[in-house]
């Protein structure tokens, strides 16, 4: 059991955001896509921090969010010298530019156009 987002035009019709087996039982108040995506991105950032990414003087390019690996299927976020490149194959998963500007010291936000 769980809940996710639905897109009738996607090859993957439902992208699960919450699984009871992992996240526990959910209440109606848990069903907020923006909050869950924000929590998953924050968790991904914490994992990258443990891996010492970015590492000053060594690298400033890394993958912040790696889709299913970070429980955000369809969303990839790369960081290059403080610039975010967002690639989303899930319409509902693309964070707004204000998310990055309010949660980081990003200089620019670049969106890769859908192909």
N, C-alpha and C. Protein backbone atom coordinates (compact mmCIF):
# COMPACT_ATOMS: atom_id res chain seq x y z
N UNK A 1 0.83 -1.18 0.00
CA UNK A 1 0.00 0.00 0.00
C UNK A 1 0.87 1.24 0.00
N UNK A 2 0.34 2.30 -0.51
CA UNK A 2 1.03 3.57 -0.53
C UNK A 2 0.27 4.55 -1.41
N UNK A 3 0.96 5.61 -1.82
CA UNK A 3 0.35 6.56 -2.73
C UNK A 3 1.43 7.17 -3.62
N UNK A 4 0.99 7.69 -4.74
CA UNK A 4 1.92 8.27 -5.69
C UNK A 4 1.22 9.27 -6.59
N UNK A 5 1.89 9.64 -7.64
CA UNK A 5 1.32 10.60 -8.59
C UNK A 5 1.00 9.87 -9.89
N UNK A 6 -0.05 10.29 -10.55
CA UNK A 6 -0.55 9.64 -11.76
C UNK A 6 -0.37 10.56 -12.96
N UNK A 7 0.09 9.97 -14.07
CA UNK A 7 0.22 10.71 -15.32
C UNK A 7 -0.24 9.77 -16.44
N UNK A 8 -1.38 10.06 -17.03
CA UNK A 8 -1.96 9.19 -18.06
C UNK A 8 -1.10 9.12 -19.31
N UNK A 9 -0.22 10.09 -19.54
CA UNK A 9 0.60 10.10 -20.74
C UNK A 9 1.99 9.49 -20.55
N UNK A 10 2.29 9.04 -19.36
CA UNK A 10 3.61 8.48 -19.07
C UNK A 10 3.62 6.97 -19.26
N UNK A 11 4.79 6.43 -19.63
CA UNK A 11 4.93 5.00 -19.69
C UNK A 11 4.77 4.40 -18.29
N UNK A 12 5.20 5.15 -17.29
CA UNK A 12 5.02 4.77 -15.89
C UNK A 12 3.84 5.58 -15.35
N UNK A 13 2.66 5.00 -15.36
CA UNK A 13 1.44 5.75 -15.03
C UNK A 13 1.43 6.27 -13.61
N UNK A 14 1.95 5.49 -12.66
CA UNK A 14 1.97 5.92 -11.26
C UNK A 14 3.40 5.87 -10.78
N UNK A 15 3.87 6.96 -10.21
CA UNK A 15 5.19 7.03 -9.58
C UNK A 15 4.95 7.09 -8.08
N UNK A 16 5.37 6.05 -7.40
CA UNK A 16 5.11 5.94 -5.97
C UNK A 16 5.97 6.93 -5.18
N UNK A 17 5.34 7.65 -4.29
CA UNK A 17 6.05 8.56 -3.40
C UNK A 17 6.07 8.06 -1.96
N UNK A 18 5.11 7.24 -1.62
CA UNK A 18 4.98 6.78 -0.23
C UNK A 18 4.65 5.30 -0.25
N UNK A 19 5.45 4.51 0.43
CA UNK A 19 5.20 3.08 0.57
C UNK A 19 5.05 2.76 2.05
N UNK A 20 3.93 2.18 2.41
CA UNK A 20 3.70 1.86 3.82
C UNK A 20 4.81 0.98 4.38
N UNK A 21 5.36 0.08 3.57
CA UNK A 21 6.39 -0.83 4.05
C UNK A 21 7.68 -0.10 4.42
N UNK A 22 7.90 1.08 3.87
CA UNK A 22 9.10 1.88 4.16
C UNK A 22 8.78 3.07 5.04
N UNK A 23 7.73 3.80 4.68
CA UNK A 23 7.41 5.08 5.33
C UNK A 23 6.40 4.96 6.46
N UNK A 24 5.80 3.81 6.62
CA UNK A 24 4.76 3.64 7.64
C UNK A 24 3.40 4.01 7.07
N UNK A 25 2.37 3.76 7.84
CA UNK A 25 1.02 4.11 7.40
C UNK A 25 0.90 5.61 7.24
N UNK A 26 0.10 6.02 6.28
CA UNK A 26 -0.03 7.45 6.01
C UNK A 26 -1.40 7.98 6.38
N UNK A 27 -1.39 9.24 6.76
CA UNK A 27 -2.63 9.96 7.01
C UNK A 27 -2.85 10.91 5.84
N UNK A 28 -4.03 11.47 5.74
CA UNK A 28 -4.32 12.41 4.66
C UNK A 28 -3.33 13.57 4.65
N UNK A 29 -2.85 13.98 5.84
CA UNK A 29 -1.90 15.10 5.92
C UNK A 29 -0.54 14.75 5.34
N UNK A 30 -0.22 13.46 5.20
CA UNK A 30 1.05 13.03 4.60
C UNK A 30 1.04 13.13 3.08
N UNK A 31 -0.13 13.27 2.50
CA UNK A 31 -0.27 13.22 1.05
C UNK A 31 -0.05 14.59 0.41
N UNK A 32 1.12 15.14 0.63
CA UNK A 32 1.50 16.43 0.06
C UNK A 32 2.73 16.21 -0.80
N UNK A 33 2.56 16.24 -2.12
CA UNK A 33 3.65 15.93 -3.05
C UNK A 33 4.85 16.84 -2.81
N UNK A 34 4.61 18.14 -2.67
CA UNK A 34 5.71 19.09 -2.48
C UNK A 34 6.53 18.78 -1.24
N UNK A 35 5.85 18.47 -0.15
CA UNK A 35 6.56 18.16 1.10
C UNK A 35 7.36 16.88 0.99
N UNK A 36 6.78 15.85 0.38
CA UNK A 36 7.49 14.58 0.26
C UNK A 36 8.69 14.73 -0.67
N UNK A 37 8.53 15.41 -1.81
CA UNK A 37 9.66 15.63 -2.72
C UNK A 37 10.75 16.44 -2.01
N UNK A 38 10.36 17.46 -1.27
CA UNK A 38 11.34 18.26 -0.52
C UNK A 38 12.11 17.41 0.49
N UNK A 39 11.41 16.52 1.19
CA UNK A 39 12.07 15.64 2.16
C UNK A 39 13.03 14.68 1.47
N UNK A 40 12.62 14.16 0.31
CA UNK A 40 13.49 13.23 -0.42
C UNK A 40 14.74 13.94 -0.95
N UNK A 41 14.58 15.18 -1.42
CA UNK A 41 15.74 15.93 -1.89
C UNK A 41 16.67 16.26 -0.72
N UNK A 42 16.09 16.63 0.42
CA UNK A 42 16.91 16.91 1.61
C UNK A 42 17.67 15.66 2.04
N UNK A 43 17.02 14.49 1.98
CA UNK A 43 17.69 13.24 2.34
C UNK A 43 18.82 12.93 1.36
N UNK A 44 18.59 13.19 0.07
CA UNK A 44 19.63 12.98 -0.93
C UNK A 44 20.82 13.91 -0.67
N UNK A 45 20.53 15.16 -0.33
CA UNK A 45 21.60 16.12 -0.03
C UNK A 45 22.39 15.68 1.20
N UNK A 46 21.71 15.14 2.21
CA UNK A 46 22.40 14.65 3.41
C UNK A 46 23.32 13.48 3.06
N UNK A 47 22.84 12.59 2.19
CA UNK A 47 23.67 11.46 1.76
C UNK A 47 24.90 11.95 1.01
N UNK A 48 24.73 12.93 0.12
CA UNK A 48 25.88 13.46 -0.63
C UNK A 48 26.86 14.15 0.32
N UNK A 49 26.35 14.78 1.35
CA UNK A 49 27.21 15.44 2.34
C UNK A 49 28.07 14.40 3.07
N UNK A 50 27.47 13.26 3.43
CA UNK A 50 28.22 12.18 4.06
C UNK A 50 29.33 11.69 3.14
N UNK A 51 29.06 11.71 1.84
CA UNK A 51 30.05 11.29 0.85
C UNK A 51 31.04 12.41 0.52
N UNK A 52 30.92 13.51 1.25
CA UNK A 52 31.77 14.69 1.08
C UNK A 52 31.65 15.31 -0.32
N UNK A 53 30.42 15.42 -0.79
CA UNK A 53 30.16 16.07 -2.07
C UNK A 53 29.37 17.34 -1.82
N UNK A 54 29.74 18.44 -2.40
CA UNK A 54 30.98 18.66 -3.14
C UNK A 54 32.17 18.75 -2.19
N UNK A 55 33.34 18.54 -2.74
CA UNK A 55 34.55 18.61 -1.93
C UNK A 55 35.41 19.74 -2.45
N UNK A 56 35.55 20.78 -1.64
CA UNK A 56 36.26 21.99 -2.05
C UNK A 56 37.67 21.65 -2.53
N UNK A 57 38.01 22.16 -3.70
CA UNK A 57 39.32 21.94 -4.28
C UNK A 57 39.46 20.62 -5.01
N UNK A 58 38.44 19.75 -4.90
CA UNK A 58 38.51 18.45 -5.56
C UNK A 58 37.45 18.35 -6.65
N UNK A 59 36.19 18.59 -6.28
CA UNK A 59 35.12 18.53 -7.27
C UNK A 59 33.98 19.47 -6.86
N UNK A 60 33.37 20.06 -7.84
CA UNK A 60 32.16 20.85 -7.60
C UNK A 60 31.05 20.40 -8.54
N UNK A 61 31.20 19.19 -9.09
CA UNK A 61 30.18 18.60 -9.95
C UNK A 61 29.78 17.25 -9.38
N UNK A 62 28.48 17.08 -9.17
CA UNK A 62 27.99 15.82 -8.63
C UNK A 62 26.50 15.69 -8.89
N UNK A 63 25.99 14.48 -8.76
CA UNK A 63 24.56 14.22 -8.92
C UNK A 63 23.90 14.30 -7.55
N UNK A 64 23.06 15.30 -7.38
CA UNK A 64 22.36 15.51 -6.11
C UNK A 64 21.22 14.51 -5.94
N UNK A 65 20.44 14.30 -6.99
CA UNK A 65 19.31 13.36 -6.95
C UNK A 65 19.46 12.40 -8.12
N UNK A 66 19.39 11.11 -7.81
CA UNK A 66 19.54 10.08 -8.84
C UNK A 66 18.28 9.21 -8.91
N UNK A 67 17.18 9.81 -9.31
CA UNK A 67 15.93 9.10 -9.57
C UNK A 67 15.52 8.09 -8.52
N UNK A 68 15.31 6.87 -8.97
CA UNK A 68 14.82 5.80 -8.09
C UNK A 68 15.75 5.56 -6.92
N UNK A 69 17.05 5.75 -7.10
CA UNK A 69 18.00 5.55 -6.02
C UNK A 69 17.74 6.46 -4.83
N UNK A 70 17.13 7.60 -5.09
CA UNK A 70 16.77 8.54 -4.03
C UNK A 70 15.26 8.60 -3.82
N UNK A 71 14.58 7.58 -4.31
CA UNK A 71 13.13 7.44 -4.17
C UNK A 71 12.36 8.57 -4.84
N UNK A 72 12.93 9.08 -5.95
CA UNK A 72 12.27 10.12 -6.74
C UNK A 72 12.35 9.74 -8.21
N UNK A 73 11.71 8.63 -8.54
CA UNK A 73 11.73 8.15 -9.92
C UNK A 73 11.36 9.24 -10.90
N UNK A 74 12.14 9.35 -11.97
CA UNK A 74 11.87 10.35 -13.00
C UNK A 74 12.53 11.68 -12.77
N UNK A 75 13.26 11.85 -11.66
CA UNK A 75 13.89 13.13 -11.36
C UNK A 75 15.40 12.96 -11.18
N UNK A 76 16.17 13.73 -11.93
CA UNK A 76 17.63 13.77 -11.79
C UNK A 76 18.03 15.22 -11.61
N UNK A 77 18.86 15.49 -10.61
CA UNK A 77 19.37 16.84 -10.40
C UNK A 77 20.89 16.76 -10.31
N UNK A 78 21.56 17.42 -11.24
CA UNK A 78 23.01 17.51 -11.23
C UNK A 78 23.41 18.90 -10.78
N UNK A 79 24.55 18.99 -10.11
CA UNK A 79 25.07 20.28 -9.65
C UNK A 79 26.44 20.48 -10.28
N UNK A 80 26.62 21.60 -10.93
CA UNK A 80 27.89 21.98 -11.55
C UNK A 80 28.26 23.37 -11.04
N UNK A 81 29.29 23.43 -10.20
CA UNK A 81 29.78 24.71 -9.68
C UNK A 81 28.64 25.56 -9.11
N UNK A 82 27.74 24.93 -8.36
CA UNK A 82 26.65 25.66 -7.73
C UNK A 82 25.44 25.88 -8.61
N UNK A 83 25.48 25.40 -9.85
CA UNK A 83 24.34 25.51 -10.76
C UNK A 83 23.62 24.18 -10.81
N UNK A 84 22.30 24.21 -10.70
CA UNK A 84 21.50 23.00 -10.72
C UNK A 84 20.98 22.76 -12.13
N UNK A 85 21.10 21.52 -12.61
CA UNK A 85 20.49 21.11 -13.87
C UNK A 85 19.45 20.06 -13.52
N UNK A 86 18.19 20.38 -13.79
CA UNK A 86 17.07 19.53 -13.41
C UNK A 86 16.54 18.82 -14.66
N UNK A 87 16.47 17.51 -14.58
CA UNK A 87 15.91 16.71 -15.66
C UNK A 87 14.80 15.86 -15.08
N UNK A 88 13.61 16.04 -15.62
CA UNK A 88 12.47 15.31 -15.07
C UNK A 88 11.66 14.67 -16.18
N UNK A 89 11.41 13.38 -16.03
CA UNK A 89 10.50 12.72 -16.95
C UNK A 89 9.13 12.53 -16.30
N UNK A 90 8.99 13.09 -15.11
CA UNK A 90 7.72 13.03 -14.38
C UNK A 90 7.26 14.45 -14.14
N UNK A 91 6.21 14.86 -14.79
CA UNK A 91 5.75 16.26 -14.72
C UNK A 91 5.57 16.78 -13.31
N UNK A 92 5.04 15.96 -12.46
CA UNK A 92 4.75 16.41 -11.10
C UNK A 92 5.98 16.46 -10.22
N UNK A 93 7.11 15.98 -10.69
CA UNK A 93 8.29 15.86 -9.84
C UNK A 93 9.28 17.01 -10.01
N UNK A 94 9.05 17.93 -10.91
CA UNK A 94 10.02 18.97 -11.15
C UNK A 94 9.86 20.08 -10.11
N UNK A 95 10.84 20.22 -9.20
CA UNK A 95 10.75 21.29 -8.21
C UNK A 95 10.80 22.66 -8.88
N UNK A 96 10.16 23.63 -8.29
CA UNK A 96 10.17 24.97 -8.84
C UNK A 96 11.51 25.64 -8.57
N UNK A 97 11.89 26.62 -9.39
CA UNK A 97 13.15 27.33 -9.15
C UNK A 97 13.25 27.91 -7.74
N UNK A 98 12.14 28.34 -7.17
CA UNK A 98 12.18 28.92 -5.83
C UNK A 98 12.65 27.90 -4.79
N UNK A 99 12.42 26.61 -5.03
CA UNK A 99 12.88 25.58 -4.10
C UNK A 99 14.40 25.64 -3.97
N UNK A 100 15.09 25.75 -5.10
CA UNK A 100 16.55 25.76 -5.08
C UNK A 100 17.09 27.07 -4.54
N UNK A 101 16.47 28.15 -4.92
CA UNK A 101 16.98 29.45 -4.50
C UNK A 101 16.78 29.68 -3.01
N UNK A 102 15.74 29.07 -2.44
CA UNK A 102 15.50 29.26 -1.02
C UNK A 102 16.27 28.25 -0.17
N UNK A 103 16.76 27.17 -0.78
CA UNK A 103 17.41 26.13 0.01
C UNK A 103 18.89 25.99 -0.28
N UNK A 104 19.47 26.91 -1.03
CA UNK A 104 20.89 26.79 -1.35
C UNK A 104 21.46 28.15 -1.71
N UNK A 105 22.73 28.14 -2.01
CA UNK A 105 23.38 29.37 -2.45
C UNK A 105 23.60 29.34 -3.96
N UNK A 106 22.69 28.67 -4.67
CA UNK A 106 22.83 28.52 -6.11
C UNK A 106 22.88 29.88 -6.81
N UNK A 107 23.75 29.98 -7.78
CA UNK A 107 23.86 31.19 -8.56
C UNK A 107 22.87 31.19 -9.73
N UNK A 108 22.68 30.03 -10.32
CA UNK A 108 21.80 29.90 -11.48
C UNK A 108 21.06 28.58 -11.40
N UNK A 109 19.89 28.55 -11.99
CA UNK A 109 19.14 27.31 -12.13
C UNK A 109 18.91 27.10 -13.61
N UNK A 110 19.38 25.99 -14.11
CA UNK A 110 19.25 25.68 -15.54
C UNK A 110 18.30 24.51 -15.69
N UNK A 111 17.34 24.64 -16.55
CA UNK A 111 16.43 23.51 -16.83
C UNK A 111 16.74 22.97 -18.21
N UNK A 112 16.99 21.68 -18.26
CA UNK A 112 17.21 21.03 -19.54
C UNK A 112 15.86 20.80 -20.18
N UNK A 113 15.67 21.24 -21.42
CA UNK A 113 14.36 21.08 -22.05
C UNK A 113 14.03 19.61 -22.26
N UNK A 114 12.74 19.30 -22.22
CA UNK A 114 12.30 17.92 -22.48
C UNK A 114 12.55 17.61 -23.95
N UNK A 115 12.97 16.37 -24.18
CA UNK A 115 13.20 15.98 -25.58
C UNK A 115 12.05 15.19 -26.11
